Protein backbone atom coordinates (compact mmCIF):
# COMPACT_ATOMS: atom_id res chain seq x y z
CA MET A 1 -5.92 14.55 -3.64
CA SER A 2 -3.89 11.90 -5.43
CA SER A 3 -4.37 9.14 -2.84
CA ALA A 4 -7.34 7.73 -0.97
CA SER A 5 -5.24 7.64 2.20
CA PRO A 6 -2.31 9.84 3.22
CA PHE A 7 -1.09 7.11 5.59
CA HIS A 8 0.24 4.51 3.14
CA GLY A 9 3.46 4.26 1.14
CA LEU A 10 6.33 6.76 1.35
CA SER A 11 5.52 9.80 3.46
CA ALA A 12 8.37 12.25 2.86
CA PHE A 13 9.26 14.63 5.69
CA PRO A 14 11.30 17.62 4.44
CA PRO A 15 13.20 20.02 6.67
CA THR A 16 11.70 23.48 7.04
CA PRO A 17 14.17 26.11 5.79
CA ALA A 18 14.23 28.95 8.29
CA SER A 19 16.49 31.72 9.50
CA ILE A 20 18.26 31.75 12.84
CA ASP A 21 15.37 33.74 14.32
CA GLY A 22 12.77 31.24 13.12
CA ARG A 23 11.47 32.98 9.99
CA VAL A 24 10.40 30.33 7.46
CA ASP A 25 11.77 30.73 3.93
CA THR A 26 8.57 29.91 2.07
CA ASP A 27 10.20 30.15 -1.37
CA ALA A 28 12.83 27.56 -0.44
CA LEU A 29 10.17 25.40 1.17
CA GLY A 30 8.19 25.50 -2.06
CA ARG A 31 11.23 24.32 -4.03
CA LEU A 32 11.66 21.38 -1.67
CA LEU A 33 8.02 20.40 -1.93
CA GLU A 34 8.01 20.67 -5.72
CA ARG A 35 10.77 18.04 -5.85
CA LEU A 36 8.64 15.73 -3.73
CA CYS A 37 5.62 16.23 -5.94
CA GLU A 38 7.66 15.56 -9.08
CA ALA A 39 9.08 12.38 -7.55
CA GLY A 40 5.56 11.14 -6.76
CA VAL A 41 5.79 10.44 -3.03
CA ALA A 42 2.59 9.14 -1.44
CA SER A 43 2.31 12.02 1.03
CA ILE A 44 4.28 14.96 2.40
CA GLY A 45 4.85 15.33 6.14
CA LEU A 46 5.13 19.04 6.84
CA LEU A 47 6.31 20.31 10.23
CA GLY A 48 7.49 17.00 11.57
CA SER A 49 10.43 16.74 13.95
CA THR A 50 12.95 17.29 11.14
CA GLY A 51 10.66 20.11 10.05
CA ILE A 52 11.43 21.87 13.39
CA TYR A 53 7.77 22.28 14.36
CA ALA A 54 8.66 22.49 18.05
CA TYR A 55 10.90 25.52 17.41
CA LEU A 56 8.48 27.63 15.36
CA THR A 57 5.82 30.09 16.46
CA ARG A 58 2.17 29.56 15.59
CA GLU A 59 2.44 32.36 13.03
CA GLU A 60 5.42 30.81 11.26
CA ARG A 61 3.84 27.38 11.26
CA LEU A 62 0.75 28.84 9.63
CA ARG A 63 2.88 30.62 7.00
CA ALA A 64 4.58 27.31 6.24
CA VAL A 65 1.27 25.45 5.85
CA LYS A 66 -0.23 28.13 3.62
CA ALA A 67 2.85 28.14 1.38
CA ALA A 68 2.93 24.35 1.25
CA ALA A 69 -0.75 24.02 0.39
CA GLN A 70 -0.38 26.59 -2.36
CA CYS A 71 2.66 24.80 -3.80
CA VAL A 72 1.29 21.27 -3.58
CA ALA A 73 -2.13 22.37 -4.83
CA GLY A 74 -3.84 19.09 -4.04
CA ARG A 75 -1.43 16.92 -6.05
CA ILE A 76 -0.26 14.95 -3.01
CA PRO A 77 -1.78 14.64 0.48
CA LEU A 78 -0.27 17.10 2.95
CA ILE A 79 0.08 15.85 6.55
CA VAL A 80 0.79 18.72 8.97
CA GLY A 81 2.26 18.45 12.45
CA ALA A 82 0.08 20.04 15.14
CA GLY A 83 1.99 19.10 18.28
CA ALA A 84 2.17 21.56 21.19
CA LEU A 85 2.60 21.49 24.95
CA ARG A 86 -0.87 22.84 25.70
CA THR A 87 -4.06 21.23 24.44
CA ASP A 88 -5.61 24.58 23.52
CA HIS A 89 -2.51 25.47 21.49
CA ALA A 90 -2.63 22.12 19.67
CA VAL A 91 -6.32 22.74 18.92
CA ASP A 92 -5.46 26.16 17.47
CA LEU A 93 -2.68 24.66 15.34
CA ALA A 94 -4.96 21.92 14.07
CA ARG A 95 -7.63 24.44 13.08
CA ASP A 96 -5.00 26.64 11.43
CA ALA A 97 -3.75 23.68 9.40
CA GLU A 98 -7.24 22.71 8.28
CA ALA A 99 -8.10 26.26 7.27
CA ALA A 100 -4.83 26.61 5.36
CA GLY A 101 -5.42 23.49 3.25
CA ALA A 102 -3.89 20.53 5.09
CA ASP A 103 -5.26 17.08 4.25
CA ALA A 104 -4.35 15.36 7.54
CA LEU A 105 -2.76 15.99 10.92
CA LEU A 106 0.19 14.45 12.74
CA LEU A 107 -0.12 14.80 16.51
CA ALA A 108 2.54 14.10 19.12
CA PRO A 109 1.91 14.20 22.89
CA VAL A 110 4.46 16.95 23.53
CA SER A 111 5.11 17.31 27.24
CA TYR A 112 7.27 18.82 29.95
CA THR A 113 5.52 17.26 32.92
CA PRO A 114 5.23 13.57 31.98
CA LEU A 115 1.71 12.74 30.80
CA THR A 116 -0.45 9.91 32.06
CA GLN A 117 -2.20 7.65 29.56
CA GLU A 118 -5.52 9.36 30.40
CA GLU A 119 -4.07 12.84 29.91
CA ALA A 120 -2.77 11.85 26.48
CA TYR A 121 -6.17 10.38 25.58
CA GLN A 122 -8.01 13.57 26.53
CA HIS A 123 -5.46 15.66 24.62
CA PHE A 124 -5.94 13.64 21.44
CA LEU A 125 -9.70 13.61 21.85
CA ALA A 126 -9.83 17.41 22.10
CA VAL A 127 -7.70 17.92 19.01
CA ALA A 128 -9.55 15.27 17.00
CA LYS A 129 -12.87 16.95 17.82
CA ALA A 130 -11.56 20.35 16.72
CA THR A 131 -11.32 19.54 12.99
CA LYS A 132 -12.63 17.07 10.43
CA LEU A 133 -9.13 16.10 9.29
CA PRO A 134 -7.87 12.53 9.71
CA VAL A 135 -5.24 12.26 12.43
CA CYS A 136 -2.06 10.20 12.65
CA ILE A 137 -0.80 9.50 16.17
CA TYR A 138 2.88 10.44 16.44
CA ASN A 139 4.47 7.93 18.82
CA ASN A 140 7.94 9.35 19.34
CA PRO A 141 9.15 8.58 22.88
CA GLY A 142 12.69 9.67 22.03
CA THR A 143 11.58 13.31 21.93
CA THR A 144 8.29 13.37 23.85
CA HIS A 145 9.30 10.94 26.62
CA PHE A 146 5.83 9.45 26.39
CA THR A 147 5.10 5.86 25.40
CA PHE A 148 1.68 4.79 24.15
CA GLY A 149 0.33 1.68 25.82
CA ARG A 150 -1.52 -0.76 23.57
CA GLU A 151 -4.75 -0.06 25.49
CA LEU A 152 -4.38 3.66 24.83
CA LEU A 153 -3.89 3.06 21.11
CA GLN A 154 -7.00 0.88 21.14
CA ARG A 155 -9.01 3.64 22.82
CA LEU A 156 -7.72 6.26 20.40
CA CYS A 157 -8.62 4.01 17.49
CA ASP A 158 -12.27 4.33 18.54
CA ILE A 159 -12.17 8.09 17.85
CA GLU A 160 -13.55 8.41 14.33
CA THR A 161 -10.95 10.71 12.81
CA ILE A 162 -7.88 8.99 14.30
CA ARG A 163 -6.81 6.74 11.43
CA ALA A 164 -3.10 5.96 11.73
CA VAL A 165 -0.08 5.69 13.98
CA LYS A 166 3.53 6.61 13.26
CA MET A 167 5.58 4.18 15.35
CA PRO A 168 9.22 4.14 16.45
CA LEU A 169 11.16 0.99 15.69
CA PRO A 170 10.57 -1.59 18.45
CA VAL A 171 13.36 -1.74 21.03
CA ASP A 172 13.39 -5.56 20.90
CA GLY A 173 13.48 -5.58 17.10
CA ASP A 174 10.34 -7.72 16.88
CA LEU A 175 8.58 -5.96 14.02
CA PRO A 176 6.40 -8.93 13.02
CA GLY A 177 5.25 -9.41 16.61
CA GLU A 178 4.51 -5.74 17.14
CA LEU A 179 2.61 -5.41 13.87
CA ALA A 180 0.53 -8.49 14.68
CA ALA A 181 -0.32 -7.16 18.15
CA LEU A 182 -1.25 -3.71 16.83
CA ARG A 183 -3.42 -5.15 14.06
CA GLU A 184 -5.20 -7.35 16.59
CA LYS A 185 -5.95 -4.38 18.88
CA THR A 186 -6.60 -1.60 16.33
CA ASP A 187 -7.56 -0.92 12.74
CA LEU A 188 -5.06 1.93 12.45
CA ALA A 189 -2.79 2.24 9.44
CA ILE A 190 0.62 1.41 10.91
CA GLY A 191 3.74 3.17 9.71
CA TYR A 192 7.27 3.49 11.04
CA SER A 193 9.89 6.19 11.40
CA GLY A 194 13.56 5.46 12.07
CA ASP A 195 14.83 5.37 8.51
CA TRP A 196 17.36 2.60 9.18
CA GLY A 197 14.49 0.19 9.91
CA ALA A 198 12.32 1.12 6.93
CA ALA A 199 13.22 -1.85 4.76
CA ASP A 200 12.51 -4.33 7.57
CA ALA A 201 9.26 -2.62 8.54
CA LEU A 202 7.88 -2.53 5.00
CA LEU A 203 8.96 -6.10 4.27
CA CYS A 204 7.07 -7.13 7.42
CA GLY A 205 3.91 -5.49 6.12
CA ALA A 206 3.89 -1.98 7.58
CA ASP A 207 1.58 0.41 5.74
CA ALA A 208 3.89 3.42 5.57
CA TRP A 209 7.44 4.68 5.89
CA TYR A 210 7.53 8.15 7.50
CA SER A 211 10.87 9.10 6.06
CA VAL A 212 13.42 11.76 6.94
CA ILE A 213 15.65 11.07 3.94
CA GLY A 214 12.59 10.92 1.70
CA GLY A 215 12.31 14.67 2.20
CA LEU A 216 15.63 15.23 0.39
CA LEU A 217 16.24 12.11 -1.72
CA PRO A 218 12.68 11.12 -2.62
CA ARG A 219 13.36 9.07 -5.75
CA THR A 220 15.84 6.76 -4.05
CA ALA A 221 13.61 6.43 -0.98
CA LEU A 222 10.70 5.61 -3.29
CA SER A 223 12.72 2.88 -4.96
CA LEU A 224 13.35 1.26 -1.59
CA THR A 225 9.69 1.65 -0.58
CA ARG A 226 8.38 0.10 -3.78
CA ALA A 227 10.78 -2.82 -3.64
CA ALA A 228 9.96 -3.63 -0.02
CA THR A 229 6.21 -3.16 -0.48
CA ALA A 230 6.30 -5.51 -3.48
CA GLY A 231 8.16 -8.11 -1.41
CA ASP A 232 11.32 -7.84 -3.51
CA VAL A 233 13.64 -8.72 -0.65
CA ASP A 234 16.87 -8.70 -2.66
CA GLU A 235 16.29 -5.23 -4.14
CA ALA A 236 15.09 -3.78 -0.85
CA ARG A 237 18.18 -5.12 0.91
CA ARG A 238 20.46 -3.86 -1.86
CA LEU A 239 19.10 -0.32 -1.56
CA ASP A 240 19.09 -0.40 2.23
CA LYS A 241 22.75 -1.41 2.15
CA LEU A 242 23.51 1.66 0.03
CA PHE A 243 21.79 3.80 2.66
CA GLU A 244 23.48 2.06 5.61
CA PRO A 245 26.51 4.44 5.94
CA LEU A 246 24.09 7.37 6.02
CA TRP A 247 21.90 5.61 8.59
CA GLN A 248 24.99 5.35 10.78
CA THR A 249 25.46 9.14 10.66
CA PHE A 250 21.78 9.59 11.61
CA LYS A 251 22.41 7.46 14.69
CA ALA A 252 25.71 9.17 15.52
CA PHE A 253 24.72 12.82 15.08
CA GLY A 254 20.91 12.93 15.00
CA SER A 255 19.08 12.99 11.70
CA ILE A 256 18.10 16.67 12.00
CA ARG A 257 21.74 17.82 12.05
CA VAL A 258 22.60 15.59 9.10
CA VAL A 259 19.59 16.72 7.08
CA TYR A 260 20.31 20.41 7.58
CA LEU A 261 23.85 19.85 6.35
CA LEU A 262 22.53 18.02 3.28
CA LEU A 263 19.97 20.73 2.62
CA GLU A 264 22.76 23.21 1.97
CA HIS A 265 25.10 20.69 0.34
CA LEU A 266 22.44 19.90 -2.25
CA ALA A 267 22.02 23.66 -2.82
CA LEU A 268 18.32 23.36 -2.07
CA ALA A 269 18.19 26.11 0.54
CA ARG A 270 20.16 28.11 3.05
CA ALA A 271 18.88 27.28 6.50
CA GLU A 272 19.97 27.58 10.11
CA LEU A 273 19.39 24.97 12.77
CA PRO A 274 17.25 26.47 15.54
CA ARG A 275 19.32 27.22 18.62
CA PRO A 276 20.37 25.64 20.87
CA LEU A 277 21.05 23.03 18.12
CA LEU A 278 24.47 23.51 16.51
CA PRO A 279 25.76 22.46 13.08
CA LEU A 280 28.16 19.56 12.79
CA LYS A 281 31.87 20.12 13.22
CA SER A 282 34.18 19.95 10.22
CA ALA A 283 35.28 16.30 10.53
CA ASP A 284 31.73 15.12 11.13
CA ARG A 285 30.47 17.18 8.20
CA GLN A 286 33.01 15.54 5.93
CA ARG A 287 32.01 12.08 7.13
CA VAL A 288 28.39 12.79 6.17
CA LEU A 289 29.30 14.26 2.79
CA ASP A 290 31.53 11.31 1.95
CA VAL A 291 28.85 8.71 2.64
CA VAL A 292 26.01 10.57 0.92
CA GLU A 293 27.71 11.04 -2.45
CA PRO A 294 26.73 7.61 -3.90
CA LEU A 295 23.12 8.29 -2.89
CA ILE A 296 23.14 11.72 -4.53
CA ALA A 297 24.47 10.10 -7.68
CA LEU A 298 21.71 7.50 -7.56
CA GLU A 299 19.07 10.17 -6.97
CA SER A 300 20.19 12.12 -10.01
CA GLY A 301 20.31 9.06 -12.22
CA ARG A 302 24.10 8.88 -12.36
CA LYS A 303 26.03 5.70 -11.58
CA ALA A 304 26.78 5.42 -7.88
């Protein structure tokens, strides 16, 4: 593995190319992952939310992990999503991922009936005990409708293999305050999703950026990550400003719909959004394509 920890720096989360009936295109997935390896991202987040983990069967998820592990071949740490409604299913997925060659797990408290803090703790404990892989807590209340209390994060931190947390951007915008509170309560590596807040989070000292756009435009996302991590405020802000029109489309349409459009626009793969999700309408598609062109130029080394 190329890094001592998979939970620092730019963690790039690619989409998972799949057919309308949920069959993963492992060849196209391999092409996506090869680009990430060539760019030199710190880790790859396979089967995250943008990677449609919640819409794939256990068999297809295993096919994806096997193909990814074969492609990456230990060059970059591979973090695999193991979220599921049932604890026994999440345990099975975690064991599958470990057997197939994953380096770490990403675990969300997926739920239909809202979970209590104790139920989430027992769920994470069971999955953590099932493998030897390090685990990153996936705190994503926007999709799971579950919010981790600070006391729960502190308890989870005491489980040996739970090493990191992937946080949403704080509602009150107080990144420095949240980071200070989390560091006081836990020794977890703290990273953030919500691409539009990446520059702020990294400049405030976050350990990782769990990035949607990093899965498709890794070189440009890496430039932003490196500038912010180095404390180069001017360069980080300059790059973030270039991304800003795209961030606005993420907020307007949902990043998964935007990313699937870009996947085909960049001629990286043919892929269908899993139903009931629908592709963007013509005018919205054009808005996305117009704002992404300068970033594509930057990614390819052309003048934006």
